[in-house]
């Protein structure tokens, strides 16, 4: 569990900024794809497959909030 959004560990950002990835404390990979307007949670360790959650608004702040919520909901 993480307590603040600032605790998210960003592991990748594409040069264009259209794809950003975070790794949770439990080892799960989360990805924001701007073109998709969605946040994905890896379906299993190192699978490269994601369960996608479409965002209400397409912005990085909302994507971070969604990742934060998914980590705290799914990994408890």
N, C-alpha and C. Protein backbone atom coordinates (compact mmCIF):
# COMPACT_ATOMS: atom_id res chain seq x y z
N UNK A 1 0.85 -1.19 0.00
CA UNK A 1 0.00 0.00 0.00
C UNK A 1 0.88 1.24 0.00
N UNK A 2 0.46 2.23 -0.76
CA UNK A 2 1.16 3.51 -0.72
C UNK A 2 0.21 4.56 -0.15
N UNK A 3 0.77 5.53 0.51
CA UNK A 3 -0.05 6.53 1.20
C UNK A 3 -0.24 7.82 0.42
N UNK A 4 0.71 8.13 -0.49
CA UNK A 4 0.63 9.37 -1.25
C UNK A 4 0.95 9.08 -2.71
N UNK A 5 0.35 9.84 -3.60
CA UNK A 5 0.63 9.68 -5.02
C UNK A 5 2.11 9.88 -5.31
N UNK A 6 2.76 10.75 -4.55
CA UNK A 6 4.19 11.01 -4.78
C UNK A 6 5.06 9.79 -4.51
N UNK A 7 4.51 8.77 -3.87
CA UNK A 7 5.25 7.53 -3.61
C UNK A 7 5.26 6.59 -4.81
N UNK A 8 4.50 6.91 -5.87
CA UNK A 8 4.51 6.07 -7.07
C UNK A 8 5.92 6.05 -7.66
N UNK A 9 6.38 4.89 -8.02
CA UNK A 9 7.72 4.73 -8.57
C UNK A 9 7.63 4.65 -10.09
N UNK A 10 7.90 5.78 -10.77
CA UNK A 10 7.85 5.81 -12.23
C UNK A 10 9.06 5.06 -12.77
N UNK A 11 8.82 4.13 -13.69
CA UNK A 11 9.91 3.31 -14.22
C UNK A 11 10.20 3.60 -15.68
N UNK A 12 9.28 4.26 -16.39
CA UNK A 12 9.48 4.52 -17.81
C UNK A 12 8.63 5.69 -18.25
N UNK A 13 9.18 6.49 -19.16
CA UNK A 13 8.41 7.52 -19.85
C UNK A 13 8.94 7.60 -21.27
N UNK A 14 8.04 7.48 -22.25
CA UNK A 14 8.46 7.57 -23.64
C UNK A 14 8.93 9.00 -23.92
N UNK A 15 9.79 9.18 -24.92
CA UNK A 15 10.27 10.52 -25.25
C UNK A 15 9.14 11.52 -25.51
N UNK A 16 8.05 11.06 -26.07
CA UNK A 16 6.91 11.95 -26.37
C UNK A 16 6.05 12.20 -25.14
N UNK A 17 6.22 11.39 -24.09
CA UNK A 17 5.40 11.50 -22.90
C UNK A 17 4.04 10.85 -23.04
N UNK A 18 3.81 10.14 -24.14
CA UNK A 18 2.51 9.50 -24.37
C UNK A 18 2.33 8.19 -23.61
N UNK A 19 3.43 7.60 -23.16
CA UNK A 19 3.36 6.36 -22.38
C UNK A 19 4.21 6.55 -21.13
N UNK A 20 3.60 6.28 -19.98
CA UNK A 20 4.30 6.36 -18.70
C UNK A 20 3.97 5.10 -17.92
N UNK A 21 4.99 4.52 -17.28
CA UNK A 21 4.78 3.31 -16.50
C UNK A 21 5.26 3.50 -15.07
N UNK A 22 4.56 2.81 -14.16
CA UNK A 22 4.91 2.81 -12.74
C UNK A 22 4.96 1.37 -12.27
N UNK A 23 5.80 1.11 -11.29
CA UNK A 23 5.88 -0.21 -10.66
C UNK A 23 5.39 -0.04 -9.23
N UNK A 24 4.46 -0.88 -8.83
CA UNK A 24 3.91 -0.79 -7.47
C UNK A 24 4.87 -1.46 -6.48
N UNK A 25 4.68 -1.21 -5.19
CA UNK A 25 5.51 -1.89 -4.19
C UNK A 25 5.40 -3.42 -4.27
N UNK A 26 4.25 -3.92 -4.75
CA UNK A 26 4.06 -5.36 -4.89
C UNK A 26 4.64 -5.93 -6.18
N UNK A 27 5.21 -5.06 -7.03
CA UNK A 27 5.85 -5.53 -8.25
C UNK A 27 5.00 -5.46 -9.50
N UNK A 28 3.73 -5.05 -9.38
CA UNK A 28 2.86 -4.97 -10.55
C UNK A 28 3.18 -3.74 -11.38
N UNK A 29 3.02 -3.88 -12.69
CA UNK A 29 3.28 -2.79 -13.62
C UNK A 29 1.97 -2.12 -14.02
N UNK A 30 1.97 -0.79 -13.99
CA UNK A 30 0.82 0.02 -14.40
C UNK A 30 1.28 0.95 -15.51
N UNK A 31 0.41 1.18 -16.50
CA UNK A 31 0.80 1.97 -17.65
C UNK A 31 -0.31 2.96 -18.01
N UNK A 32 0.12 4.19 -18.31
CA UNK A 32 -0.81 5.21 -18.83
C UNK A 32 -0.46 5.42 -20.29
N UNK A 33 -1.45 5.28 -21.16
CA UNK A 33 -1.27 5.57 -22.58
C UNK A 33 -2.20 6.72 -22.94
N UNK A 34 -1.58 7.85 -23.26
CA UNK A 34 -2.34 9.06 -23.58
C UNK A 34 -3.27 8.86 -24.78
N UNK A 35 -2.79 8.18 -25.83
CA UNK A 35 -3.61 7.97 -27.03
C UNK A 35 -4.84 7.12 -26.74
N UNK A 36 -4.74 6.23 -25.80
CA UNK A 36 -5.85 5.37 -25.40
C UNK A 36 -6.76 6.04 -24.38
N UNK A 37 -6.23 7.08 -23.72
CA UNK A 37 -6.93 7.76 -22.62
C UNK A 37 -7.29 6.76 -21.54
N UNK A 38 -6.31 5.91 -21.21
CA UNK A 38 -6.58 4.83 -20.27
C UNK A 38 -5.34 4.47 -19.46
N UNK A 39 -5.61 3.85 -18.31
CA UNK A 39 -4.57 3.30 -17.45
C UNK A 39 -4.73 1.79 -17.48
N UNK A 40 -3.62 1.09 -17.64
CA UNK A 40 -3.66 -0.36 -17.66
C UNK A 40 -2.92 -0.94 -16.48
N UNK A 41 -3.45 -2.06 -15.95
CA UNK A 41 -2.79 -2.82 -14.90
C UNK A 41 -2.37 -4.14 -15.51
N UNK A 42 -1.10 -4.49 -15.37
CA UNK A 42 -0.61 -5.73 -15.94
C UNK A 42 -1.41 -6.91 -15.38
N UNK A 43 -1.83 -7.82 -16.26
CA UNK A 43 -2.69 -8.93 -15.84
C UNK A 43 -1.94 -10.00 -15.07
N UNK A 44 -0.65 -10.00 -15.16
CA UNK A 44 0.19 -10.94 -14.42
C UNK A 44 1.64 -10.49 -14.55
N UNK A 45 2.49 -10.95 -13.67
CA UNK A 45 3.89 -10.52 -13.73
C UNK A 45 4.54 -10.82 -15.08
N UNK A 46 5.08 -9.78 -15.68
CA UNK A 46 5.83 -9.89 -16.95
C UNK A 46 5.04 -10.48 -18.11
N UNK A 47 3.72 -10.32 -18.11
CA UNK A 47 2.92 -10.86 -19.21
C UNK A 47 2.86 -9.91 -20.40
N UNK A 48 2.99 -8.61 -20.14
CA UNK A 48 2.86 -7.63 -21.22
C UNK A 48 1.41 -7.40 -21.61
N UNK A 49 0.48 -8.02 -20.90
CA UNK A 49 -0.94 -7.84 -21.15
C UNK A 49 -1.52 -6.99 -20.04
N UNK A 50 -2.43 -6.08 -20.40
CA UNK A 50 -2.97 -5.13 -19.44
C UNK A 50 -4.48 -5.17 -19.40
N UNK A 51 -5.03 -4.95 -18.21
CA UNK A 51 -6.46 -4.75 -18.03
C UNK A 51 -6.65 -3.23 -18.02
N UNK A 52 -7.40 -2.71 -18.99
CA UNK A 52 -7.49 -1.26 -19.20
C UNK A 52 -8.67 -0.63 -18.49
N UNK A 53 -8.43 0.58 -17.98
CA UNK A 53 -9.46 1.39 -17.32
C UNK A 53 -9.47 2.75 -18.02
N UNK A 54 -10.56 3.03 -18.74
CA UNK A 54 -10.68 4.29 -19.47
C UNK A 54 -10.88 5.43 -18.48
N UNK A 55 -10.19 6.54 -18.73
CA UNK A 55 -10.26 7.71 -17.84
C UNK A 55 -11.40 8.63 -18.24
N UNK A 56 -11.97 9.32 -17.27
CA UNK A 56 -13.02 10.30 -17.56
C UNK A 56 -12.45 11.50 -18.31
N UNK A 57 -11.24 11.89 -17.92
CA UNK A 57 -10.51 12.99 -18.57
C UNK A 57 -9.13 12.47 -18.90
N UNK A 58 -8.60 12.82 -20.03
CA UNK A 58 -7.31 12.32 -20.46
C UNK A 58 -6.20 13.25 -20.01
N UNK A 59 -5.73 13.08 -18.76
CA UNK A 59 -4.58 13.86 -18.32
C UNK A 59 -3.75 13.06 -17.32
N UNK A 60 -2.49 13.46 -17.17
CA UNK A 60 -1.55 12.72 -16.34
C UNK A 60 -1.94 12.71 -14.87
N UNK A 61 -2.47 13.81 -14.38
CA UNK A 61 -2.87 13.87 -12.97
C UNK A 61 -3.95 12.84 -12.67
N UNK A 62 -4.94 12.75 -13.53
CA UNK A 62 -6.00 11.77 -13.34
C UNK A 62 -5.46 10.34 -13.50
N UNK A 63 -4.51 10.15 -14.41
CA UNK A 63 -3.90 8.84 -14.59
C UNK A 63 -3.16 8.41 -13.33
N UNK A 64 -2.40 9.32 -12.74
CA UNK A 64 -1.70 9.00 -11.49
C UNK A 64 -2.68 8.65 -10.38
N UNK A 65 -3.77 9.39 -10.29
CA UNK A 65 -4.79 9.13 -9.27
C UNK A 65 -5.38 7.73 -9.47
N UNK A 66 -5.65 7.36 -10.73
CA UNK A 66 -6.22 6.04 -11.02
C UNK A 66 -5.24 4.94 -10.64
N UNK A 67 -3.96 5.12 -10.98
CA UNK A 67 -2.95 4.13 -10.63
C UNK A 67 -2.86 3.99 -9.11
N UNK A 68 -2.85 5.11 -8.41
CA UNK A 68 -2.82 5.11 -6.95
C UNK A 68 -4.00 4.32 -6.39
N UNK A 69 -5.19 4.59 -6.91
CA UNK A 69 -6.40 3.88 -6.44
C UNK A 69 -6.32 2.38 -6.75
N UNK A 70 -5.87 2.04 -7.96
CA UNK A 70 -5.76 0.63 -8.34
C UNK A 70 -4.78 -0.11 -7.44
N UNK A 71 -3.64 0.51 -7.17
CA UNK A 71 -2.66 -0.14 -6.31
C UNK A 71 -3.26 -0.39 -4.93
N UNK A 72 -3.90 0.61 -4.37
CA UNK A 72 -4.43 0.47 -3.02
C UNK A 72 -5.66 -0.44 -2.96
N UNK A 73 -6.44 -0.51 -4.05
CA UNK A 73 -7.60 -1.40 -4.08
C UNK A 73 -7.21 -2.85 -4.38
N UNK A 74 -6.37 -3.03 -5.40
CA UNK A 74 -6.07 -4.37 -5.91
C UNK A 74 -4.99 -5.10 -5.13
N UNK A 75 -4.13 -4.37 -4.46
CA UNK A 75 -3.00 -5.04 -3.83
C UNK A 75 -3.12 -5.16 -2.30
N UNK A 76 -4.28 -4.84 -1.78
CA UNK A 76 -4.46 -5.01 -0.33
C UNK A 76 -4.99 -6.39 -0.01
